[in-house]
Protein backbone atom coordinates (compact mmCIF):
# COMPACT_ATOMS: atom_id res chain seq x y z
CA MET A 1 -119.00 -100.48 -29.28
CA VAL A 2 -116.47 -99.36 -26.60
CA GLU A 3 -112.94 -99.87 -27.59
CA GLU A 4 -110.68 -101.12 -24.94
CA LYS A 5 -107.34 -99.41 -24.88
CA LYS A 6 -104.47 -101.83 -24.43
CA ARG A 7 -102.31 -100.75 -21.57
CA LYS A 8 -98.56 -101.11 -22.20
CA GLU A 9 -97.14 -103.47 -19.78
CA LEU A 10 -94.01 -102.06 -18.16
CA GLU A 11 -91.18 -103.53 -16.31
CA GLU A 12 -91.60 -103.66 -12.52
CA PHE A 13 -88.12 -104.79 -11.53
CA GLY A 14 -84.69 -104.59 -13.14
CA ILE A 15 -81.23 -105.99 -12.56
CA VAL A 16 -78.37 -103.47 -12.42
CA ILE A 17 -75.79 -104.30 -15.02
CA ASP A 18 -73.60 -101.13 -14.58
CA TYR A 19 -73.39 -98.30 -12.15
CA LEU A 20 -71.85 -95.00 -13.23
CA PRO A 21 -71.44 -92.89 -10.07
CA THR A 22 -70.60 -89.69 -12.02
CA GLY A 23 -72.82 -90.46 -15.04
CA LYS A 24 -71.51 -90.76 -18.57
CA SER A 25 -68.40 -88.96 -19.64
CA SER A 26 -70.37 -87.29 -22.47
CA SER A 27 -72.92 -85.89 -19.93
CA PRO A 28 -72.45 -82.30 -18.79
CA SER A 29 -73.88 -82.93 -15.32
CA PRO A 30 -72.49 -85.64 -13.02
CA VAL A 31 -75.68 -87.49 -12.07
CA PRO A 32 -75.29 -91.18 -11.04
CA ILE A 33 -76.93 -93.48 -13.47
CA VAL A 34 -77.43 -97.21 -13.85
CA GLN A 35 -77.94 -99.41 -16.86
CA LEU A 36 -80.51 -102.15 -16.26
CA VAL A 37 -82.13 -105.13 -17.80
CA GLY A 38 -85.87 -105.59 -17.06
CA GLU A 39 -86.97 -108.77 -15.28
CA LYS A 40 -90.05 -109.49 -17.34
CA PHE A 41 -89.28 -108.45 -20.94
CA PHE A 42 -85.59 -108.12 -20.79
CA THR A 43 -85.90 -104.47 -21.77
CA LEU A 44 -82.53 -102.58 -21.58
CA LEU A 45 -82.94 -99.30 -19.61
CA GLU A 46 -81.02 -96.39 -18.37
CA ALA A 47 -82.01 -94.59 -15.19
CA SER A 48 -80.76 -92.00 -12.67
CA VAL A 49 -80.51 -93.27 -9.02
CA LYS A 50 -81.00 -91.72 -5.63
CA LYS A 51 -78.37 -93.81 -3.92
CA GLU A 52 -75.41 -96.02 -4.64
CA VAL A 53 -76.17 -99.59 -5.93
CA LYS A 54 -74.14 -102.63 -6.76
CA ILE A 55 -74.01 -104.53 -10.05
CA GLY A 56 -76.48 -107.45 -9.81
CA ASP A 57 -78.84 -105.61 -7.41
CA LYS A 58 -82.54 -106.07 -8.08
CA VAL A 59 -84.26 -102.74 -7.95
CA PHE A 60 -87.92 -101.64 -8.29
CA ILE A 61 -88.48 -99.59 -11.38
CA GLY A 62 -92.33 -99.51 -11.39
CA LYS A 63 -94.36 -96.29 -11.70
CA GLU A 64 -94.76 -95.43 -8.02
CA GLY A 65 -92.74 -95.99 -4.83
CA ARG A 66 -89.25 -96.22 -6.18
CA ASP A 67 -86.76 -96.12 -3.32
CA VAL A 68 -83.48 -96.48 -5.36
CA VAL A 69 -84.28 -95.42 -8.91
CA ASP A 70 -85.04 -91.74 -9.38
CA LYS A 71 -86.02 -91.48 -13.01
CA ILE A 72 -86.05 -93.81 -15.95
CA LYS A 73 -84.20 -92.07 -18.70
CA GLY A 74 -85.46 -94.48 -21.33
CA LYS A 75 -84.86 -97.57 -23.33
CA ILE A 76 -81.45 -98.13 -24.74
CA LYS A 77 -80.03 -100.38 -27.44
CA TYR A 78 -77.49 -103.14 -26.83
CA GLU A 79 -74.96 -100.92 -28.61
CA ASP A 80 -75.49 -98.19 -26.08
CA LEU A 81 -74.45 -100.36 -23.15
CA THR A 82 -71.18 -99.71 -21.49
CA LEU A 83 -68.54 -102.45 -21.94
CA ASN A 84 -69.03 -103.53 -18.31
CA ALA A 85 -72.80 -103.72 -18.82
CA LYS A 86 -72.30 -105.92 -21.91
CA ASN A 87 -70.07 -108.21 -19.83
CA GLU A 88 -72.56 -108.36 -16.91
CA LEU A 89 -75.68 -108.83 -19.08
CA PRO A 90 -75.38 -112.73 -19.31
CA ASN A 91 -75.07 -112.96 -15.51
CA ALA A 92 -78.14 -110.81 -15.05
CA ILE A 93 -80.13 -112.90 -17.57
CA LEU A 94 -79.13 -116.13 -15.75
CA LYS A 95 -80.20 -114.55 -12.42
CA ILE A 96 -83.62 -113.69 -13.90
CA ILE A 97 -84.00 -117.18 -15.31
CA ASN A 98 -82.98 -118.89 -12.19
CA GLU A 99 -85.47 -116.78 -9.97
CA ASP A 100 -88.40 -117.79 -12.24
CA GLU A 101 -87.29 -121.01 -13.84
CA LYS A 102 -90.81 -122.34 -14.16
CA ARG A 103 -91.78 -119.49 -16.55
CA PHE A 104 -88.96 -120.33 -18.93
CA VAL A 105 -89.31 -124.08 -18.84
CA GLU A 106 -92.93 -123.74 -19.68
CA VAL A 107 -92.03 -122.06 -22.88
CA PHE A 108 -90.13 -125.10 -24.00
CA ASN A 109 -92.76 -127.53 -22.68
CA LYS A 110 -95.55 -125.71 -24.57
CA ALA A 111 -93.66 -125.25 -27.77
CA GLY A 112 -95.03 -127.18 -30.65
CA PRO A 113 -94.74 -127.64 -34.36
CA LEU A 114 -95.51 -124.71 -36.72
CA ASN A 115 -96.35 -127.08 -39.62
CA ILE A 116 -95.58 -130.57 -40.59
CA ARG A 117 -92.02 -129.63 -41.49
CA GLN A 118 -90.84 -127.14 -38.94
CA HIS A 119 -90.93 -126.93 -35.17
CA SER A 120 -91.24 -123.65 -33.37
CA LEU A 121 -88.04 -124.29 -31.46
CA GLU A 122 -86.21 -124.13 -34.86
CA LEU A 123 -86.82 -120.38 -34.86
CA LEU A 124 -84.36 -119.94 -32.00
CA PRO A 125 -80.94 -118.95 -33.15
CA GLY A 126 -78.55 -121.87 -33.23
CA VAL A 127 -81.28 -124.43 -33.02
CA GLY A 128 -81.85 -126.52 -36.10
CA LYS A 129 -83.18 -129.89 -37.12
CA ASN A 130 -79.96 -131.70 -36.01
CA ILE A 131 -80.10 -130.28 -32.45
CA LEU A 132 -83.81 -131.06 -32.12
CA ASN A 133 -83.37 -134.63 -33.43
CA LYS A 134 -80.61 -135.20 -30.90
CA PHE A 135 -82.82 -133.86 -28.09
CA TRP A 136 -85.78 -135.97 -29.05
CA LYS A 137 -83.74 -139.18 -29.40
CA LYS A 138 -82.26 -138.53 -25.99
CA GLU A 139 -85.77 -137.95 -24.52
CA LYS A 140 -87.12 -141.14 -26.09
CA ARG A 141 -84.18 -143.24 -24.61
CA LYS A 142 -84.74 -141.73 -21.20
CA ASN A 143 -88.52 -142.36 -21.24
CA SER A 144 -88.36 -145.83 -22.74
CA LEU A 145 -88.81 -148.91 -20.62
CA PRO A 146 -85.74 -151.08 -19.90
């Protein structure tokens, strides 16, 4: 039996959430770097760049044919983001969602109950039975006949 190796899916595009033209202050060499959020998996990344970019730019970060990004330095944690990147992250996430709204709406449309007592949407932070009940009541009123 031939085992199929699962290929790791990587980000193809990222949104720039910070541009540091002289690199980090702790770095010995002044190489321009960017902090990015991946478009598909929301991966936080740090990369060196070939040319100047603006915050909010969508850049190709795939394996081959990069015109802006030189080298992906690696994944980073939220704590490793600069203050500016932390502030820009919500805007970048909104941009990603707005560009592919169908993908995100589909998640909510396909979400179903886990068991008789719990819905899968309750696993989202800040969503509980009260919020779901308000939502379902509003939907029932909207879909009911006058």
